Amino acid sequence: MNAEICGRLEIVELQPPPAVIRVAIIEDLKPIREGLSMLIGGTDGYACTGSYRSMEEALEKIRHNVPDIVLSDIGLPGMDGITGIRILKEQYPEMTILMLSVYDDDERIFDALCAGACGYLLKKTPPARLMDSLREAATGGAPMSPEVARRVITLFRDFRPPERADYELTPHETRILKLLVEGHSYKTAAAELGVTVNTISFHLKRIYEKLQVHSKSEAVAKAIQNRLIK
């Protein structure tokens, strides 16, 4: 497993979703690509800005109509999705990227989060849940399929770093970080702890500063890498 954190991202502030959430699709299988295009384009409050058969096509054409969110497969012909999202994040740092894959193995999940994906969904995700996840991602959340969230927790439990670093997290900050590792969004973390969403946002900024990261995906990866959660 590659435990290196790839790239540094800006802090994602919690914010209301745009009036219309603009989504681009990168998927090589035509039936899935067309089905996603129809679902997104036909749902109020969403617009499909483009659907691409490969990462190479997306990198060439996406600049003509830059979306809010990219919904990308991993197993693409030519350049794979994880390599591609690293490039997209370099070119468009504020772009939100959500993985949609058949794979739920540790390697791909971890690498996707390290590369800059905000969340990871399986292709069997029901359409209603998929649309909710797009909205969650647009507001700064980190949606994950339940199976993926369990794999992230397993990654954390099984990974053994050479030594445990001390980042001086408070007990409350540690609880919030644990919820991130489990796949919670700002809203669900706030509900779990009985605090406001703004309180979660405030503490996450402190957590990012202490961990020296710039996004939820980097924070999750560092928590796994350094066994910061018991």
C-alpha atoms as a PDB file:
ATOM      1  CA  MET A   1       0.000   0.000   0.000  1.00  0.00           C
ATOM      2  CA  ASN A   2       1.281   3.452  -0.890  1.00  0.00           C
ATOM      3  CA  ALA A   3       1.027   5.466   2.328  1.00  0.00           C
ATOM      4  CA  GLU A   4       2.419   8.694   0.883  1.00  0.00           C
ATOM      5  CA  ILE A   5       0.017  11.629   0.905  1.00  0.00           C
ATOM      6  CA  CYS A   6      -0.126  12.931  -2.650  1.00  0.00           C
ATOM      7  CA  GLY A   7      -0.556  16.671  -3.022  1.00  0.00           C
ATOM      8  CA  ARG A   8      -1.797  19.448  -0.737  1.00  0.00           C
ATOM      9  CA  LEU A   9      -5.311  20.869  -1.048  1.00  0.00           C
ATOM     10  CA  GLU A  10      -6.976  23.983   0.255  1.00  0.00           C
ATOM     11  CA  ILE A  11      -9.361  23.748   3.225  1.00  0.00           C
ATOM     12  CA  VAL A  12     -12.897  23.022   2.015  1.00  0.00           C
ATOM     13  CA  GLU A  13     -15.316  25.349   3.788  1.00  0.00           C
ATOM     14  CA  LEU A  14     -18.816  24.135   4.582  1.00  0.00           C
ATOM     15  CA  GLN A  15     -21.190  25.984   2.304  1.00  0.00           C
ATOM     16  CA  PRO A  16     -24.657  25.668   0.796  1.00  0.00           C
ATOM     17  CA  PRO A  17     -24.779  23.844  -2.524  1.00  0.00           C
ATOM     18  CA  PRO A  18     -25.047  25.922  -5.702  1.00  0.00           C
ATOM     19  CA  ALA A  19     -28.517  26.465  -7.140  1.00  0.00           C
ATOM     20  CA  VAL A  20     -27.619  23.924  -9.819  1.00  0.00           C
ATOM     21  CA  ILE A  21     -24.929  21.330  -9.092  1.00  0.00           C
ATOM     22  CA  ARG A  22     -22.879  20.842 -12.252  1.00  0.00           C
ATOM     23  CA  VAL A  23     -21.529  17.308 -12.646  1.00  0.00           C
ATOM     24  CA  ALA A  24     -19.181  15.744 -15.195  1.00  0.00           C
ATOM     25  CA  ILE A  25     -18.974  11.953 -15.635  1.00  0.00           C
ATOM     26  CA  ILE A  26     -15.896   9.904 -16.497  1.00  0.00           C
ATOM     27  CA  GLU A  27     -16.973   6.323 -17.254  1.00  0.00           C
ATOM     28  CA  ASP A  28     -15.891   3.993 -20.074  1.00  0.00           C
ATOM     29  CA  LEU A  29     -18.970   1.735 -20.106  1.00  0.00           C
ATOM     30  CA  LYS A  30     -21.557   3.326 -22.383  1.00  0.00           C
ATOM     31  CA  PRO A  31     -24.728   2.032 -20.652  1.00  0.00           C
ATOM     32  CA  ILE A  32     -23.532   3.278 -17.254  1.00  0.00           C
ATOM     33  CA  ARG A  33     -22.283   6.578 -18.685  1.00  0.00           C
ATOM     34  CA  GLU A  34     -25.546   7.261 -20.496  1.00  0.00           C
ATOM     35  CA  GLY A  35     -27.622   6.160 -17.503  1.00  0.00           C
ATOM     36  CA  LEU A  36     -25.749   8.525 -15.204  1.00  0.00           C
ATOM     37  CA  SER A  37     -26.088  11.354 -17.712  1.00  0.00           C
ATOM     38  CA  MET A  38     -29.852  10.858 -17.901  1.00  0.00           C
ATOM     39  CA  LEU A  39     -30.195  10.568 -14.110  1.00  0.00           C
ATOM     40  CA  ILE A  40     -28.171  13.702 -13.363  1.00  0.00           C
ATOM     41  CA  GLY A  41     -29.448  15.756 -16.266  1.00  0.00           C
ATOM     42  CA  GLY A  42     -33.042  14.796 -15.544  1.00  0.00           C
ATOM     43  CA  THR A  43     -32.990  15.646 -11.820  1.00  0.00           C
ATOM     44  CA  ASP A  44     -33.994  19.115 -10.665  1.00  0.00           C
ATOM     45  CA  GLY A  45     -31.083  21.039  -9.214  1.00  0.00           C
ATOM     46  CA  TYR A  46     -28.458  19.123 -11.191  1.00  0.00           C
ATOM     47  CA  ALA A  47     -26.878  19.473 -14.628  1.00  0.00           C
ATOM     48  CA  CYS A  48     -24.579  17.124 -16.532  1.00  0.00           C
ATOM     49  CA  THR A  49     -21.813  19.264 -18.062  1.00  0.00           C
ATOM     50  CA  GLY A  50     -20.156  16.410 -19.934  1.00  0.00           C
ATOM     51  CA  SER A  51     -19.683  12.656 -20.058  1.00  0.00           C
ATOM     52  CA  TYR A  52     -16.323  11.241 -21.072  1.00  0.00           C
ATOM     53  CA  ARG A  53     -15.225   7.739 -22.067  1.00  0.00           C
ATOM     54  CA  SER A  54     -11.681   8.121 -20.757  1.00  0.00           C
ATOM     55  CA  MET A  55      -9.592  10.278 -18.469  1.00  0.00           C
ATOM     56  CA  GLU A  56      -7.630  11.501 -21.471  1.00  0.00           C
ATOM     57  CA  GLU A  57     -10.825  12.763 -23.110  1.00  0.00           C
ATOM     58  CA  ALA A  58     -11.897  14.443 -19.866  1.00  0.00           C
ATOM     59  CA  LEU A  59      -8.552  16.199 -19.408  1.00  0.00           C
ATOM     60  CA  GLU A  60      -8.751  17.493 -22.956  1.00  0.00           C
ATOM     61  CA  LYS A  61     -12.354  18.706 -22.943  1.00  0.00           C
ATOM     62  CA  ILE A  62     -13.396  19.464 -19.376  1.00  0.00           C
ATOM     63  CA  ARG A  63     -11.845  22.955 -19.482  1.00  0.00           C
ATOM     64  CA  HIS A  64     -14.574  24.047 -21.897  1.00  0.00           C
ATOM     65  CA  ASN A  65     -17.277  23.507 -19.266  1.00  0.00           C
ATOM     66  CA  VAL A  66     -15.721  23.087 -15.817  1.00  0.00           C
ATOM     67  CA  PRO A  67     -18.103  21.298 -13.395  1.00  0.00           C
ATOM     68  CA  ASP A  68     -18.548  21.600  -9.655  1.00  0.00           C
ATOM     69  CA  ILE A  69     -18.120  17.841  -9.218  1.00  0.00           C
ATOM     70  CA  VAL A  70     -16.460  15.098 -11.243  1.00  0.00           C
ATOM     71  CA  LEU A  71     -17.939  11.622 -10.810  1.00  0.00           C
ATOM     72  CA  SER A  72     -15.171   9.278 -11.955  1.00  0.00           C
ATOM     73  CA  ASP A  73     -14.629   5.578 -12.398  1.00  0.00           C
ATOM     74  CA  ILE A  74     -11.235   4.089 -11.450  1.00  0.00           C
ATOM     75  CA  GLY A  75     -10.805   1.244 -13.946  1.00  0.00           C
ATOM     76  CA  LEU A  76     -10.625   3.298 -17.128  1.00  0.00           C
ATOM     77  CA  PRO A  77      -8.896   2.418 -20.412  1.00  0.00           C
ATOM     78  CA  GLY A  78      -5.549   4.169 -20.740  1.00  0.00           C
ATOM     79  CA  MET A  79      -4.957   6.480 -17.776  1.00  0.00           C
ATOM     80  CA  ASP A  80      -6.621   5.120 -14.642  1.00  0.00           C
ATOM     81  CA  GLY A  81      -8.973   7.227 -12.552  1.00  0.00           C
ATOM     82  CA  ILE A  82      -6.638   7.691  -9.592  1.00  0.00           C
ATOM     83  CA  THR A  83      -3.822   9.030 -11.753  1.00  0.00           C
ATOM     84  CA  GLY A  84      -6.313  11.252 -13.530  1.00  0.00           C
ATOM     85  CA  ILE A  85      -7.789  12.827 -10.418  1.00  0.00           C
ATOM     86  CA  ARG A  86      -4.310  13.822  -9.258  1.00  0.00           C
ATOM     87  CA  ILE A  87      -3.919  15.757 -12.498  1.00  0.00           C
ATOM     88  CA  LEU A  88      -7.418  17.256 -12.266  1.00  0.00           C
ATOM     89  CA  LYS A  89      -6.762  18.436  -8.713  1.00  0.00           C
ATOM     90  CA  GLU A  90      -3.521  20.080  -9.846  1.00  0.00           C
ATOM     91  CA  GLN A  91      -5.301  21.867 -12.694  1.00  0.00           C
ATOM     92  CA  TYR A  92      -8.526  22.647 -10.803  1.00  0.00           C
ATOM     93  CA  PRO A  93      -7.767  22.721  -7.043  1.00  0.00           C
ATOM     94  CA  GLU A  94     -11.324  23.714  -6.101  1.00  0.00           C
ATOM     95  CA  MET A  95     -12.928  20.905  -8.093  1.00  0.00           C
ATOM     96  CA  THR A  96     -14.688  18.217  -6.043  1.00  0.00           C
ATOM     97  CA  ILE A  97     -14.022  14.659  -7.195  1.00  0.00           C
ATOM     98  CA  LEU A  98     -16.150  11.694  -6.161  1.00  0.00           C
ATOM     99  CA  MET A  99     -15.169   8.159  -7.099  1.00  0.00           C
ATOM    100  CA  LEU A 100     -17.766   5.687  -8.398  1.00  0.00           C
ATOM    101  CA  SER A 101     -16.270   2.224  -8.711  1.00  0.00           C
ATOM    102  CA  VAL A 102     -16.924  -1.503  -8.541  1.00  0.00           C
ATOM    103  CA  TYR A 103     -13.742  -1.893  -6.494  1.00  0.00           C
ATOM    104  CA  ASP A 104     -13.863  -1.865  -2.692  1.00  0.00           C
ATOM    105  CA  ASP A 105     -10.311  -3.045  -1.962  1.00  0.00           C
ATOM    106  CA  ASP A 106      -8.015  -1.264   0.476  1.00  0.00           C
ATOM    107  CA  GLU A 107      -5.427  -0.178  -2.073  1.00  0.00           C
ATOM    108  CA  ARG A 108      -7.760   1.676  -4.400  1.00  0.00           C
ATOM    109  CA  ILE A 109      -9.799   3.273  -1.608  1.00  0.00           C
ATOM    110  CA  PHE A 110      -6.698   4.555   0.177  1.00  0.00           C
ATOM    111  CA  ASP A 111      -5.006   5.749  -3.013  1.00  0.00           C
ATOM    112  CA  ALA A 112      -8.160   7.540  -4.188  1.00  0.00           C
ATOM    113  CA  LEU A 113      -8.466   9.443  -0.909  1.00  0.00           C
ATOM    114  CA  CYS A 114      -4.773  10.325  -0.964  1.00  0.00           C
ATOM    115  CA  ALA A 115      -5.065  11.502  -4.573  1.00  0.00           C
ATOM    116  CA  GLY A 116      -7.746  14.024  -3.627  1.00  0.00           C
ATOM    117  CA  ALA A 117     -11.115  12.285  -3.902  1.00  0.00           C
ATOM    118  CA  CYS A 118     -13.636  13.672  -1.404  1.00  0.00           C
ATOM    119  CA  GLY A 119     -15.553  10.400  -1.230  1.00  0.00           C
ATOM    120  CA  TYR A 120     -15.916   6.897  -2.631  1.00  0.00           C
ATOM    121  CA  LEU A 121     -19.130   5.215  -3.774  1.00  0.00           C
ATOM    122  CA  LEU A 122     -19.743   1.773  -5.207  1.00  0.00           C
ATOM    123  CA  LYS A 123     -21.545   1.439  -8.532  1.00  0.00           C
ATOM    124  CA  LYS A 124     -24.363  -0.492  -6.884  1.00  0.00           C
ATOM    125  CA  THR A 125     -25.298   2.674  -4.970  1.00  0.00           C
ATOM    126  CA  PRO A 126     -29.044   3.329  -5.481  1.00  0.00           C
ATOM    127  CA  PRO A 127     -29.835   6.374  -7.681  1.00  0.00           C
ATOM    128  CA  ALA A 128     -31.445   8.344  -4.840  1.00  0.00           C
ATOM    129  CA  ARG A 129     -28.428   7.787  -2.599  1.00  0.00           C
ATOM    130  CA  LEU A 130     -26.099   8.747  -5.450  1.00  0.00           C
ATOM    131  CA  MET A 131     -27.879  12.070  -5.927  1.00  0.00           C
ATOM    132  CA  ASP A 132     -27.824  12.722  -2.177  1.00  0.00           C
ATOM    133  CA  SER A 133     -24.093  11.988  -2.191  1.00  0.00           C
ATOM    134  CA  LEU A 134     -23.491  14.509  -4.964  1.00  0.00           C
ATOM    135  CA  ARG A 135     -25.290  17.160  -2.927  1.00  0.00           C
ATOM    136  CA  GLU A 136     -23.355  16.152   0.187  1.00  0.00           C
ATOM    137  CA  ALA A 137     -20.070  16.446  -1.714  1.00  0.00           C
ATOM    138  CA  ALA A 138     -21.107  19.859  -3.046  1.00  0.00           C
ATOM    139  CA  THR A 139     -21.513  21.151   0.519  1.00  0.00           C
ATOM    140  CA  GLY A 140     -18.116  19.895   1.662  1.00  0.00           C
ATOM    141  CA  GLY A 141     -19.080  16.405   2.803  1.00  0.00           C
ATOM    142  CA  ALA A 142     -17.228  13.137   2.262  1.00  0.00           C
ATOM    143  CA  PRO A 143     -19.811  10.569   1.129  1.00  0.00           C
ATOM    144  CA  MET A 144     -18.867   6.901   1.235  1.00  0.00           C
ATOM    145  CA  SER A 145     -20.759   3.691   0.637  1.00  0.00           C
ATOM    146  CA  PRO A 146     -21.230   1.751   3.899  1.00  0.00           C
ATOM    147  CA  GLU A 147     -18.937  -1.018   2.636  1.00  0.00           C
ATOM    148  CA  VAL A 148     -16.231   1.528   1.853  1.00  0.00           C
ATOM    149  CA  ALA A 149     -16.565   3.196   5.256  1.00  0.00           C
ATOM    150  CA  ARG A 150     -16.038  -0.216   6.857  1.00  0.00           C
ATOM    151  CA  ARG A 151     -12.940  -0.776   4.720  1.00  0.00           C
ATOM    152  CA  VAL A 152     -11.564   2.609   5.815  1.00  0.00           C
ATOM    153  CA  ILE A 153     -12.046   1.611   9.457  1.00  0.00           C
ATOM    154  CA  THR A 154     -10.335  -1.727   8.755  1.00  0.00           C
ATOM    155  CA  LEU A 155      -7.454   0.092   7.080  1.00  0.00           C
ATOM    156  CA  PHE A 156      -7.015   2.163  10.199  1.00  0.00           C
ATOM    157  CA  ARG A 157      -7.115  -0.865  12.495  1.00  0.00           C
ATOM    158  CA  ASP A 158      -4.712  -2.972  10.438  1.00  0.00           C
ATOM    159  CA  PHE A 159      -2.139  -0.358   9.507  1.00  0.00           C
ATOM    160  CA  ARG A 160       0.893  -0.302  11.823  1.00  0.00           C
ATOM    161  CA  PRO A 161       3.219   2.681  11.383  1.00  0.00           C
ATOM    162  CA  PRO A 162       6.813   2.563  12.697  1.00  0.00           C
ATOM    163  CA  GLU A 163       5.829   4.808  15.606  1.00  0.00           C
ATOM    164  CA  ARG A 164       2.860   6.880  16.652  1.00  0.00           C
ATOM    165  CA  ALA A 165       3.166  10.612  16.149  1.00  0.00           C
ATOM    166  CA  ASP A 166       1.743  13.022  18.701  1.00  0.00           C
ATOM    167  CA  TYR A 167      -0.250  15.837  17.119  1.00  0.00           C
ATOM    168  CA  GLU A 168      -1.678  17.086  20.432  1.00  0.00           C
ATOM    169  CA  LEU A 169      -5.287  16.547  19.414  1.00  0.00           C
ATOM    170  CA  THR A 170      -7.810  17.182  22.163  1.00  0.00           C
ATOM    171  CA  PRO A 171     -10.266  14.394  23.067  1.00  0.00           C
ATOM    172  CA  HIS A 172     -13.041  16.290  21.265  1.00  0.00           C
ATOM    173  CA  GLU A 173     -10.903  16.766  18.143  1.00  0.00           C
ATOM    174  CA  THR A 174     -10.052  13.069  18.229  1.00  0.00           C
ATOM    175  CA  ARG A 175     -13.757  12.174  18.357  1.00  0.00           C
ATOM    176  CA  ILE A 176     -14.435  14.394  15.340  1.00  0.00           C
ATOM    177  CA  LEU A 177     -11.506  12.869  13.438  1.00  0.00           C
ATOM    178  CA  LYS A 178     -12.853   9.389  14.216  1.00  0.00           C
ATOM    179  CA  LEU A 179     -16.198  10.373  12.684  1.00  0.00           C
ATOM    180  CA  LEU A 180     -14.385  11.550   9.550  1.00  0.00           C
ATOM    181  CA  VAL A 181     -12.604   8.204   9.311  1.00  0.00           C
ATOM    182  CA  GLU A 182     -15.981   6.482   9.585  1.00  0.00           C
ATOM    183  CA  GLY A 183     -17.281   8.487   6.609  1.00  0.00           C
ATOM    184  CA  HIS A 184     -19.449  11.074   8.371  1.00  0.00           C
ATOM    185  CA  SER A 185     -20.260  14.430   6.772  1.00  0.00           C
ATOM    186  CA  TYR A 186     -20.194  17.730   8.666  1.00  0.00           C
ATOM    187  CA  LYS A 187     -23.959  17.432   9.207  1.00  0.00           C
ATOM    188  CA  THR A 188     -24.002  13.834  10.450  1.00  0.00           C
ATOM    189  CA  ALA A 189     -20.939  14.423  12.651  1.00  0.00           C
ATOM    190  CA  ALA A 190     -22.693  17.399  14.232  1.00  0.00           C
ATOM    191  CA  ALA A 191     -25.810  15.298  14.865  1.00  0.00           C
ATOM    192  CA  GLU A 192     -23.730  12.489  16.340  1.00  0.00           C
ATOM    193  CA  LEU A 193     -21.998  14.830  18.795  1.00  0.00           C
ATOM    194  CA  GLY A 194     -25.008  17.036  19.489  1.00  0.00           C
ATOM    195  CA  VAL A 195     -23.309  20.230  18.306  1.00  0.00           C
ATOM    196  CA  THR A 196     -23.832  22.673  15.445  1.00  0.00           C
ATOM    197  CA  VAL A 197     -22.366  22.244  11.981  1.00  0.00           C
ATOM    198  CA  ASN A 198     -20.412  25.481  12.476  1.00  0.00           C
ATOM    199  CA  THR A 199     -18.819  23.971  15.587  1.00  0.00           C
ATOM    200  CA  ILE A 200     -17.690  20.960  13.556  1.00  0.00           C
ATOM    201  CA  SER A 201     -16.277  23.281  10.882  1.00  0.00           C
ATOM    202  CA  PHE A 202     -14.370  25.276  13.526  1.00  0.00           C
ATOM    203  CA  HIS A 203     -12.816  22.191  15.106  1.00  0.00           C
ATOM    204  CA  LEU A 204     -11.920  20.706  11.722  1.00  0.00           C
ATOM    205  CA  LYS A 205      -9.883  23.803  10.904  1.00  0.00           C
ATOM    206  CA  ARG A 206      -7.927  23.240  14.116  1.00  0.00           C
ATOM    207  CA  ILE A 207      -7.500  19.554  13.280  1.00  0.00           C
ATOM    208  CA  TYR A 208      -6.189  20.411   9.797  1.00  0.00           C
ATOM    209  CA  GLU A 209      -3.702  22.864  11.309  1.00  0.00           C
ATOM    210  CA  LYS A 210      -2.409  20.323  13.830  1.00  0.00           C
ATOM    211  CA  LEU A 211      -2.141  17.503  11.289  1.00  0.00           C
ATOM    212  CA  GLN A 212      -0.691  19.898   8.674  1.00  0.00           C
ATOM    213  CA  VAL A 213      -3.230  18.817   6.056  1.00  0.00           C
ATOM    214  CA  HIS A 214      -5.610  20.766   3.860  1.00  0.00           C
ATOM    215  CA  SER A 215      -8.599  18.472   3.265  1.00  0.00           C
ATOM    216  CA  LYS A 216     -10.781  15.782   4.800  1.00  0.00           C
ATOM    217  CA  SER A 217      -9.220  13.100   2.600  1.00  0.00           C
ATOM    218  CA  GLU A 218      -5.720  14.025   3.778  1.00  0.00           C
ATOM    219  CA  ALA A 219      -6.894  14.068   7.403  1.00  0.00           C
ATOM    220  CA  VAL A 220      -8.427  10.593   7.035  1.00  0.00           C
ATOM    221  CA  ALA A 221      -5.288   9.269   5.336  1.00  0.00           C
ATOM    222  CA  LYS A 222      -3.035  10.707   8.053  1.00  0.00           C
ATOM    223  CA  ALA A 223      -5.260   9.297  10.807  1.00  0.00           C
ATOM    224  CA  ILE A 224      -4.940   5.852   9.221  1.00  0.00           C
ATOM    225  CA  GLN A 225      -1.220   6.240   8.598  1.00  0.00           C
ATOM    226  CA  ASN A 226      -0.431   7.309  12.153  1.00  0.00           C
ATOM    227  CA  ARG A 227      -3.098   5.367  14.092  1.00  0.00           C
ATOM    228  CA  LEU A 228      -4.478   8.530  15.633  1.00  0.00           C
ATOM    229  CA  ILE A 229      -7.820   6.943  16.534  1.00  0.00           C
ATOM    230  CA  LYS A 230      -8.262   4.163  19.082  1.00  0.00           C
END
